[in-house]
């Protein structure tokens, strides 16, 4: 799983500063705690382009995928509002 974790951490590096900070900090603190299903969903979420992901995380513009939105709501939005990044 270490190779998979490293690959996902690399995908957290983004061109948009806000996402880069959020995702890299989340990955460094929580990625290894995710179960296999959650890690797979995070990997899928990271396939979105920066603008689409930014629009959902910060503006609540739907992604059209409820499992991805639920993951972001549960993990990333909570993480960002707790002042963790």
PDB file of N, CA and C in Angstrom:
ATOM      1  N   UNK A   1       0.826  -1.206   0.000  1.00  0.00           N
ATOM      2  CA  UNK A   1       0.000   0.000   0.000  1.00  0.00           C
ATOM      3  C   UNK A   1       0.863   1.261   0.000  1.00  0.00           C
ATOM      4  N   UNK A   2       2.122   1.154   0.392  1.00  0.00           N
ATOM      5  CA  UNK A   2       2.999   2.318   0.435  1.00  0.00           C
ATOM      6  C   UNK A   2       3.143   2.966  -0.937  1.00  0.00           C
ATOM      7  N   UNK A   3       3.256   2.161  -1.975  1.00  0.00           N
ATOM      8  CA  UNK A   3       3.367   2.701  -3.334  1.00  0.00           C
ATOM      9  C   UNK A   3       2.094   3.467  -3.682  1.00  0.00           C
ATOM     10  N   UNK A   4       0.955   2.913  -3.323  1.00  0.00           N
ATOM     11  CA  UNK A   4      -0.328   3.567  -3.592  1.00  0.00           C
ATOM     12  C   UNK A   4      -0.439   4.879  -2.821  1.00  0.00           C
ATOM     13  N   UNK A   5      -0.032   4.886  -1.575  1.00  0.00           N
ATOM     14  CA  UNK A   5      -0.071   6.115  -0.765  1.00  0.00           C
ATOM     15  C   UNK A   5       0.824   7.180  -1.382  1.00  0.00           C
ATOM     16  N   UNK A   6       2.000   6.815  -1.794  1.00  0.00           N
ATOM     17  CA  UNK A   6       2.911   7.780  -2.420  1.00  0.00           C
ATOM     18  C   UNK A   6       2.339   8.322  -3.723  1.00  0.00           C
ATOM     19  N   UNK A   7       1.686   7.461  -4.494  1.00  0.00           N
ATOM     20  CA  UNK A   7       1.071   7.900  -5.758  1.00  0.00           C
ATOM     21  C   UNK A   7      -0.054   8.901  -5.482  1.00  0.00           C
ATOM     22  N   UNK A   8      -0.872   8.618  -4.480  1.00  0.00           N
ATOM     23  CA  UNK A   8      -1.966   9.533  -4.139  1.00  0.00           C
ATOM     24  C   UNK A   8      -1.410  10.851  -3.596  1.00  0.00           C
ATOM     25  N   UNK A   9      -0.383  10.781  -2.770  1.00  0.00           N
ATOM     26  CA  UNK A   9       0.237  12.022  -2.270  1.00  0.00           C
ATOM     27  C   UNK A   9       0.741  12.882  -3.424  1.00  0.00           C
ATOM     28  N   UNK A  10       1.313  12.243  -4.435  1.00  0.00           N
ATOM     29  CA  UNK A  10       1.800  12.986  -5.598  1.00  0.00           C
ATOM     30  C   UNK A  10       0.638  13.655  -6.326  1.00  0.00           C
ATOM     31  N   UNK A  11      -0.509  12.950  -6.428  1.00  0.00           N
ATOM     32  CA  UNK A  11      -1.683  13.520  -7.092  1.00  0.00           C
ATOM     33  C   UNK A  11      -2.265  14.693  -6.311  1.00  0.00           C
ATOM     34  N   UNK A  12      -1.968  14.801  -5.019  1.00  0.00           N
ATOM     35  CA  UNK A  12      -2.460  15.913  -4.205  1.00  0.00           C
ATOM     36  C   UNK A  12      -1.767  17.223  -4.550  1.00  0.00           C
ATOM     37  N   UNK A  13      -0.636  17.148  -5.215  1.00  0.00           N
ATOM     38  CA  UNK A  13       0.069  18.366  -5.638  1.00  0.00           C
ATOM     39  C   UNK A  13      -0.733  18.997  -6.771  1.00  0.00           C
ATOM     40  N   UNK A  14      -1.190  20.205  -6.566  1.00  0.00           N
ATOM     41  CA  UNK A  14      -2.085  20.852  -7.520  1.00  0.00           C
ATOM     42  C   UNK A  14      -1.504  22.169  -7.999  1.00  0.00           C
ATOM     43  N   UNK A  15      -2.052  22.651  -9.101  1.00  0.00           N
ATOM     44  CA  UNK A  15      -1.635  23.929  -9.651  1.00  0.00           C
ATOM     45  C   UNK A  15      -2.303  25.107  -8.960  1.00  0.00           C
ATOM     46  N   UNK A  16      -3.437  24.856  -8.334  1.00  0.00           N
ATOM     47  CA  UNK A  16      -4.172  25.907  -7.634  1.00  0.00           C
ATOM     48  C   UNK A  16      -3.753  25.899  -6.164  1.00  0.00           C
ATOM     49  N   UNK A  17      -3.255  27.008  -5.703  1.00  0.00           N
ATOM     50  CA  UNK A  17      -2.660  27.097  -4.367  1.00  0.00           C
ATOM     51  C   UNK A  17      -3.596  26.606  -3.258  1.00  0.00           C
ATOM     52  N   UNK A  18      -4.854  27.039  -3.290  1.00  0.00           N
ATOM     53  CA  UNK A  18      -5.792  26.653  -2.235  1.00  0.00           C
ATOM     54  C   UNK A  18      -5.960  25.140  -2.166  1.00  0.00           C
ATOM     55  N   UNK A  19      -6.102  24.516  -3.322  1.00  0.00           N
ATOM     56  CA  UNK A  19      -6.244  23.057  -3.349  1.00  0.00           C
ATOM     57  C   UNK A  19      -4.957  22.359  -2.959  1.00  0.00           C
ATOM     58  N   UNK A  20      -3.851  22.881  -3.420  1.00  0.00           N
ATOM     59  CA  UNK A  20      -2.559  22.296  -3.090  1.00  0.00           C
ATOM     60  C   UNK A  20      -2.361  22.262  -1.577  1.00  0.00           C
ATOM     61  N   UNK A  21      -2.605  23.373  -0.922  1.00  0.00           N
ATOM     62  CA  UNK A  21      -2.453  23.445   0.534  1.00  0.00           C
ATOM     63  C   UNK A  21      -3.403  22.481   1.242  1.00  0.00           C
ATOM     64  N   UNK A  22      -4.660  22.506   0.842  1.00  0.00           N
ATOM     65  CA  UNK A  22      -5.666  21.654   1.472  1.00  0.00           C
ATOM     66  C   UNK A  22      -5.340  20.174   1.284  1.00  0.00           C
ATOM     67  N   UNK A  23      -5.118  19.769   0.050  1.00  0.00           N
ATOM     68  CA  UNK A  23      -4.937  18.352  -0.247  1.00  0.00           C
ATOM     69  C   UNK A  23      -3.622  17.792   0.296  1.00  0.00           C
ATOM     70  N   UNK A  24      -2.555  18.542   0.170  1.00  0.00           N
ATOM     71  CA  UNK A  24      -1.270  18.027   0.664  1.00  0.00           C
ATOM     72  C   UNK A  24      -1.270  17.928   2.185  1.00  0.00           C
ATOM     73  N   UNK A  25      -1.867  18.905   2.863  1.00  0.00           N
ATOM     74  CA  UNK A  25      -1.933  18.841   4.325  1.00  0.00           C
ATOM     75  C   UNK A  25      -2.855  17.701   4.767  1.00  0.00           C
ATOM     76  N   UNK A  26      -3.991  17.553   4.099  1.00  0.00           N
ATOM     77  CA  UNK A  26      -4.893  16.448   4.423  1.00  0.00           C
ATOM     78  C   UNK A  26      -4.180  15.107   4.223  1.00  0.00           C
ATOM     79  N   UNK A  27      -3.499  14.955   3.127  1.00  0.00           N
ATOM     80  CA  UNK A  27      -2.800  13.698   2.837  1.00  0.00           C
ATOM     81  C   UNK A  27      -1.730  13.410   3.881  1.00  0.00           C
ATOM     82  N   UNK A  28      -0.986  14.430   4.256  1.00  0.00           N
ATOM     83  CA  UNK A  28       0.090  14.197   5.227  1.00  0.00           C
ATOM     84  C   UNK A  28      -0.453  13.801   6.598  1.00  0.00           C
ATOM     85  N   UNK A  29      -1.642  14.276   6.952  1.00  0.00           N
ATOM     86  CA  UNK A  29      -2.201  13.985   8.272  1.00  0.00           C
ATOM     87  C   UNK A  29      -3.152  12.791   8.300  1.00  0.00           C
ATOM     88  N   UNK A  30      -3.817  12.495   7.162  1.00  0.00           N
ATOM     89  CA  UNK A  30      -4.911  11.531   7.214  1.00  0.00           C
ATOM     90  C   UNK A  30      -4.873  10.411   6.183  1.00  0.00           C
ATOM     91  N   UNK A  31      -4.072  10.509   5.168  1.00  0.00           N
ATOM     92  CA  UNK A  31      -4.123   9.523   4.082  1.00  0.00           C
ATOM     93  C   UNK A  31      -3.908   8.102   4.583  1.00  0.00           C
ATOM     94  N   UNK A  32      -2.962   7.900   5.445  1.00  0.00           N
ATOM     95  CA  UNK A  32      -2.658   6.548   5.923  1.00  0.00           C
ATOM     96  C   UNK A  32      -3.740   5.993   6.849  1.00  0.00           C
ATOM     97  N   UNK A  33      -4.646   6.852   7.326  1.00  0.00           N
ATOM     98  CA  UNK A  33      -5.742   6.415   8.187  1.00  0.00           C
ATOM     99  C   UNK A  33      -6.975   5.988   7.387  1.00  0.00           C
ATOM    100  N   UNK A  34      -7.025   6.331   6.101  1.00  0.00           N
ATOM    101  CA  UNK A  34      -8.180   5.979   5.285  1.00  0.00           C
ATOM    102  C   UNK A  34      -8.193   4.481   5.011  1.00  0.00           C
ATOM    103  N   UNK A  35      -9.402   3.915   4.952  1.00  0.00           N
ATOM    104  CA  UNK A  35      -9.492   2.517   4.550  1.00  0.00           C
ATOM    105  C   UNK A  35      -9.363   2.425   3.025  1.00  0.00           C
ATOM    106  N   UNK A  36      -9.319   1.235   2.495  1.00  0.00           N
ATOM    107  CA  UNK A  36      -9.098   1.052   1.056  1.00  0.00           C
ATOM    108  C   UNK A  36     -10.168   1.725   0.207  1.00  0.00           C
ATOM    109  N   UNK A  37     -11.426   1.635   0.626  1.00  0.00           N
ATOM    110  CA  UNK A  37     -12.519   2.259  -0.132  1.00  0.00           C
ATOM    111  C   UNK A  37     -12.375   3.775  -0.139  1.00  0.00           C
ATOM    112  N   UNK A  38     -12.071   4.353   1.013  1.00  0.00           N
ATOM    113  CA  UNK A  38     -11.902   5.796   1.109  1.00  0.00           C
ATOM    114  C   UNK A  38     -10.703   6.268   0.295  1.00  0.00           C
ATOM    115  N   UNK A  39      -9.618   5.513   0.315  1.00  0.00           N
ATOM    116  CA  UNK A  39      -8.431   5.865  -0.472  1.00  0.00           C
ATOM    117  C   UNK A  39      -8.749   5.814  -1.959  1.00  0.00           C
ATOM    118  N   UNK A  40      -9.539   4.835  -2.366  1.00  0.00           N
ATOM    119  CA  UNK A  40      -9.940   4.729  -3.780  1.00  0.00           C
ATOM    120  C   UNK A  40     -10.787   5.931  -4.193  1.00  0.00           C
ATOM    121  N   UNK A  41     -11.712   6.327  -3.332  1.00  0.00           N
ATOM    122  CA  UNK A  41     -12.554   7.491  -3.645  1.00  0.00           C
ATOM    123  C   UNK A  41     -11.707   8.755  -3.707  1.00  0.00           C
ATOM    124  N   UNK A  42     -10.782   8.925  -2.775  1.00  0.00           N
ATOM    125  CA  UNK A  42      -9.889  10.084  -2.829  1.00  0.00           C
ATOM    126  C   UNK A  42      -9.121  10.089  -4.144  1.00  0.00           C
ATOM    127  N   UNK A  43      -8.616   8.949  -4.546  1.00  0.00           N
ATOM    128  CA  UNK A  43      -7.892   8.846  -5.817  1.00  0.00           C
ATOM    129  C   UNK A  43      -8.780   9.297  -6.974  1.00  0.00           C
ATOM    130  N   UNK A  44     -10.042   8.905  -6.964  1.00  0.00           N
ATOM    131  CA  UNK A  44     -10.986   9.319  -8.005  1.00  0.00           C
ATOM    132  C   UNK A  44     -11.258  10.814  -7.935  1.00  0.00           C
ATOM    133  N   UNK A  45     -11.413  11.345  -6.731  1.00  0.00           N
ATOM    134  CA  UNK A  45     -11.652  12.790  -6.555  1.00  0.00           C
ATOM    135  C   UNK A  45     -10.486  13.591  -7.126  1.00  0.00           C
ATOM    136  N   UNK A  46      -9.284  13.070  -6.960  1.00  0.00           N
ATOM    137  CA  UNK A  46      -8.097  13.784  -7.447  1.00  0.00           C
ATOM    138  C   UNK A  46      -7.988  13.796  -8.965  1.00  0.00           C
ATOM    139  N   UNK A  47      -8.853  13.050  -9.644  1.00  0.00           N
ATOM    140  CA  UNK A  47      -8.871  13.077 -11.111  1.00  0.00           C
ATOM    141  C   UNK A  47      -9.608  14.294 -11.668  1.00  0.00           C
ATOM    142  N   UNK A  48     -10.374  14.983 -10.825  1.00  0.00           N
ATOM    143  CA  UNK A  48     -11.050  16.202 -11.290  1.00  0.00           C
ATOM    144  C   UNK A  48     -10.018  17.285 -11.559  1.00  0.00           C
ATOM    145  N   UNK A  49     -10.325  18.143 -12.528  1.00  0.00           N
ATOM    146  CA  UNK A  49      -9.430  19.273 -12.764  1.00  0.00           C
ATOM    147  C   UNK A  49      -9.566  20.253 -11.599  1.00  0.00           C
ATOM    148  N   UNK A  50      -8.562  21.105 -11.441  1.00  0.00           N
ATOM    149  CA  UNK A  50      -8.512  22.012 -10.295  1.00  0.00           C
ATOM    150  C   UNK A  50      -9.746  22.900 -10.178  1.00  0.00           C
ATOM    151  N   UNK A  51     -10.194  23.470 -11.263  1.00  0.00           N
ATOM    152  CA  UNK A  51     -11.316  24.401 -11.187  1.00  0.00           C
ATOM    153  C   UNK A  51     -12.592  23.699 -10.738  1.00  0.00           C
ATOM    154  N   UNK A  52     -12.859  22.518 -11.260  1.00  0.00           N
ATOM    155  CA  UNK A  52     -14.055  21.763 -10.867  1.00  0.00           C
ATOM    156  C   UNK A  52     -14.000  21.400  -9.394  1.00  0.00           C
ATOM    157  N   UNK A  53     -12.853  20.949  -8.945  1.00  0.00           N
ATOM    158  CA  UNK A  53     -12.689  20.582  -7.545  1.00  0.00           C
ATOM    159  C   UNK A  53     -12.798  21.815  -6.637  1.00  0.00           C
ATOM    160  N   UNK A  54     -12.180  22.895  -7.019  1.00  0.00           N
ATOM    161  CA  UNK A  54     -12.273  24.154  -6.270  1.00  0.00           C
ATOM    162  C   UNK A  54     -13.730  24.607  -6.165  1.00  0.00           C
ATOM    163  N   UNK A  55     -14.442  24.549  -7.291  1.00  0.00           N
ATOM    164  CA  UNK A  55     -15.840  24.994  -7.304  1.00  0.00           C
ATOM    165  C   UNK A  55     -16.697  24.182  -6.341  1.00  0.00           C
ATOM    166  N   UNK A  56     -16.425  22.905  -6.210  1.00  0.00           N
ATOM    167  CA  UNK A  56     -17.218  22.126  -5.266  1.00  0.00           C
ATOM    168  C   UNK A  56     -16.783  22.398  -3.824  1.00  0.00           C
ATOM    169  N   UNK A  57     -15.500  22.344  -3.566  1.00  0.00           N
ATOM    170  CA  UNK A  57     -15.004  22.490  -2.194  1.00  0.00           C
ATOM    171  C   UNK A  57     -15.352  23.861  -1.626  1.00  0.00           C
ATOM    172  N   UNK A  58     -15.186  24.909  -2.404  1.00  0.00           N
ATOM    173  CA  UNK A  58     -15.333  26.259  -1.873  1.00  0.00           C
ATOM    174  C   UNK A  58     -16.608  26.978  -2.294  1.00  0.00           C
ATOM    175  N   UNK A  59     -17.299  26.484  -3.329  1.00  0.00           N
ATOM    176  CA  UNK A  59     -18.501  27.165  -3.810  1.00  0.00           C
ATOM    177  C   UNK A  59     -19.733  26.261  -3.857  1.00  0.00           C
ATOM    178  N   UNK A  60     -19.569  24.986  -3.501  1.00  0.00           N
ATOM    179  CA  UNK A  60     -20.671  24.018  -3.485  1.00  0.00           C
ATOM    180  C   UNK A  60     -21.338  23.813  -4.842  1.00  0.00           C
ATOM    181  N   UNK A  61     -20.587  23.914  -5.912  1.00  0.00           N
ATOM    182  CA  UNK A  61     -21.108  23.615  -7.246  1.00  0.00           C
ATOM    183  C   UNK A  61     -20.956  22.115  -7.465  1.00  0.00           C
ATOM    184  N   UNK A  62     -22.060  21.447  -7.700  1.00  0.00           N
ATOM    185  CA  UNK A  62     -22.114  19.980  -7.740  1.00  0.00           C
ATOM    186  C   UNK A  62     -21.112  19.360  -8.721  1.00  0.00           C
ATOM    187  N   UNK A  63     -20.569  18.215  -8.298  1.00  0.00           N
ATOM    188  CA  UNK A  63     -19.687  17.427  -9.159  1.00  0.00           C
ATOM    189  C   UNK A  63     -20.484  16.448 -10.006  1.00  0.00           C
ATOM    190  N   UNK A  64     -21.714  16.178  -9.597  1.00  0.00           N
ATOM    191  CA  UNK A  64     -22.526  15.197 -10.300  1.00  0.00           C
ATOM    192  C   UNK A  64     -22.234  13.767  -9.868  1.00  0.00           C
ATOM    193  N   UNK A  65     -21.473  13.594  -8.793  1.00  0.00           N
ATOM    194  CA  UNK A  65     -21.155  12.266  -8.279  1.00  0.00           C
ATOM    195  C   UNK A  65     -21.308  12.314  -6.764  1.00  0.00           C
ATOM    196  N   UNK A  66     -22.361  11.685  -6.268  1.00  0.00           N
ATOM    197  CA  UNK A  66     -22.694  11.796  -4.847  1.00  0.00           C
ATOM    198  C   UNK A  66     -21.642  11.167  -3.938  1.00  0.00           C
ATOM    199  N   UNK A  67     -21.019  10.067  -4.360  1.00  0.00           N
ATOM    200  CA  UNK A  67     -20.001   9.452  -3.493  1.00  0.00           C
ATOM    201  C   UNK A  67     -18.773  10.353  -3.371  1.00  0.00           C
ATOM    202  N   UNK A  68     -18.410  11.030  -4.455  1.00  0.00           N
ATOM    203  CA  UNK A  68     -17.286  11.973  -4.397  1.00  0.00           C
ATOM    204  C   UNK A  68     -17.646  13.174  -3.524  1.00  0.00           C
ATOM    205  N   UNK A  69     -18.860  13.684  -3.688  1.00  0.00           N
ATOM    206  CA  UNK A  69     -19.300  14.820  -2.885  1.00  0.00           C
ATOM    207  C   UNK A  69     -19.368  14.445  -1.409  1.00  0.00           C
ATOM    208  N   UNK A  70     -19.858  13.245  -1.100  1.00  0.00           N
ATOM    209  CA  UNK A  70     -19.924  12.798   0.297  1.00  0.00           C
ATOM    210  C   UNK A  70     -18.529  12.694   0.907  1.00  0.00           C
ATOM    211  N   UNK A  71     -17.565  12.179   0.138  1.00  0.00           N
ATOM    212  CA  UNK A  71     -16.195  12.083   0.628  1.00  0.00           C
ATOM    213  C   UNK A  71     -15.638  13.469   0.925  1.00  0.00           C
ATOM    214  N   UNK A  72     -15.805  14.389  -0.002  1.00  0.00           N
ATOM    215  CA  UNK A  72     -15.297  15.750   0.176  1.00  0.00           C
ATOM    216  C   UNK A  72     -15.962  16.404   1.388  1.00  0.00           C
ATOM    217  N   UNK A  73     -17.270  16.228   1.515  1.00  0.00           N
ATOM    218  CA  UNK A  73     -17.987  16.817   2.654  1.00  0.00           C
ATOM    219  C   UNK A  73     -17.486  16.243   3.977  1.00  0.00           C
ATOM    220  N   UNK A  74     -17.296  14.945   4.021  1.00  0.00           N
ATOM    221  CA  UNK A  74     -16.896  14.274   5.258  1.00  0.00           C
ATOM    222  C   UNK A  74     -15.457  14.588   5.646  1.00  0.00           C
ATOM    223  N   UNK A  75     -14.561  14.570   4.674  1.00  0.00           N
ATOM    224  CA  UNK A  75     -13.143  14.689   4.989  1.00  0.00           C
ATOM    225  C   UNK A  75     -12.552  16.062   4.687  1.00  0.00           C
ATOM    226  N   UNK A  76     -12.679  16.532   3.473  1.00  0.00           N
ATOM    227  CA  UNK A  76     -11.966  17.750   3.072  1.00  0.00           C
ATOM    228  C   UNK A  76     -12.614  19.027   3.590  1.00  0.00           C
ATOM    229  N   UNK A  77     -13.934  19.121   3.509  1.00  0.00           N
ATOM    230  CA  UNK A  77     -14.580  20.339   4.001  1.00  0.00           C
ATOM    231  C   UNK A  77     -14.439  20.449   5.508  1.00  0.00           C
ATOM    232  N   UNK A  78     -14.605  19.360   6.234  1.00  0.00           N
ATOM    233  CA  UNK A  78     -14.403  19.383   7.680  1.00  0.00           C
ATOM    234  C   UNK A  78     -12.980  19.749   8.020  1.00  0.00           C
ATOM    235  N   UNK A  79     -12.045  19.203   7.279  1.00  0.00           N
ATOM    236  CA  UNK A  79     -10.622  19.460   7.502  1.00  0.00           C
ATOM    237  C   UNK A  79     -10.311  20.943   7.298  1.00  0.00           C
ATOM    238  N   UNK A  80     -10.846  21.528   6.220  1.00  0.00           N
ATOM    239  CA  UNK A  80     -10.539  22.931   5.920  1.00  0.00           C
ATOM    240  C   UNK A  80     -11.198  23.888   6.894  1.00  0.00           C
ATOM    241  N   UNK A  81     -12.384  23.547   7.405  1.00  0.00           N
ATOM    242  CA  UNK A  81     -13.076  24.464   8.324  1.00  0.00           C
ATOM    243  C   UNK A  81     -12.535  24.384   9.743  1.00  0.00           C
ATOM    244  N   UNK A  82     -11.770  23.348  10.045  1.00  0.00           N
ATOM    245  CA  UNK A  82     -11.165  23.223  11.365  1.00  0.00           C
ATOM    246  C   UNK A  82      -9.875  24.018  11.473  1.00  0.00           C
ATOM    247  N   UNK A  83      -9.525  24.729  10.404  1.00  0.00           N
ATOM    248  CA  UNK A  83      -8.310  25.533  10.428  1.00  0.00           C
ATOM    249  C   UNK A  83      -7.046  24.704  10.313  1.00  0.00           C
ATOM    250  N   UNK A  84      -7.166  23.539   9.711  1.00  0.00           N
ATOM    251  CA  UNK A  84      -6.011  22.652   9.584  1.00  0.00           C
ATOM    252  C   UNK A  84      -5.106  22.986   8.413  1.00  0.00           C
ATOM    253  N   UNK A  85      -5.530  23.905   7.595  1.00  0.00           N
ATOM    254  CA  UNK A  85      -4.633  24.288   6.501  1.00  0.00           C
ATOM    255  C   UNK A  85      -4.636  25.772   6.329  1.00  0.00           C
TER     256      UNK A  85
END
